[in-house]
Amino acid sequence: MFHEAEFWVAIGFLVFLGLMGWVGVHRTIGKSLDDRAARIKAELDEARRLRNEAAALLAEYQRKRQDAEGEAQEIVSSAKAEAERLAVEAKARIEEFVSRRTKMAETKIAQAEAQAAADVRAAAAEAAVAAAEKILRQETKGEVAGRLLARGIEDVSKKLN
C-alpha cells in the first residue's frame, strides 16, 4: 500500500486539504460566495425596483396619454361647436345684410317711381298750362285776358310746388 502511487496521491490530497483548512481558504471561499450571493441579491432587488418604477412610469404615461386624448377630444368638440356657432352667426349676418340691401333697393325703386310720377305730373301740368295759355290767348284779348292768365299761372305754380 505504501508503494502505490494512488496512496501517496490520496495522502498528498488530504495534506493539501488540511493545509487549506488550516490556512482558512474555506472561509475565504465561503465569504467570497456569500459576497457574490449578496451582490446578486442586491442586483435582483435593484432590477425589481427598476421594473416597478418602469411599470409605474408606464402607467403614468398611459394615464397622461388618455388625459391628452380626452383633452384633444374636448378641443375638437369645442372647435366644432365654435365653427357651428360662427356659421350660424355668419348666416344670420348675411341674411340681415341681404334683407337690408333689399329694403334699400325697394326704397330706391319707390323713390324712383315717385320721382317719375312727379315728373310726369309736372310735364302734364306744364303741357296743360301751355295749352290753357294758348287757348286763353286766342279767345281772350285785352286787360281781362292778362289778369286771368297771370292768376291761372300763379295758381298752377302754387299747386305744382
Foldseek 3Di string as FASTA:
>chain_A
DVPDPVVVVVVVVVVVVVVCVVVPVVVVVVVVVVVVVVVVVVVVVVVVVVVVVVVVVVVVVVVVVVVVVVVVVVVVVVVVVVVVVVVVVVVVVVVVVVVVVVVVVVVVVVVVVVVVVLVVVVVVLVVVLVVVLVVLPVPDDDDVSVVVNVVVVVVSVVVSD
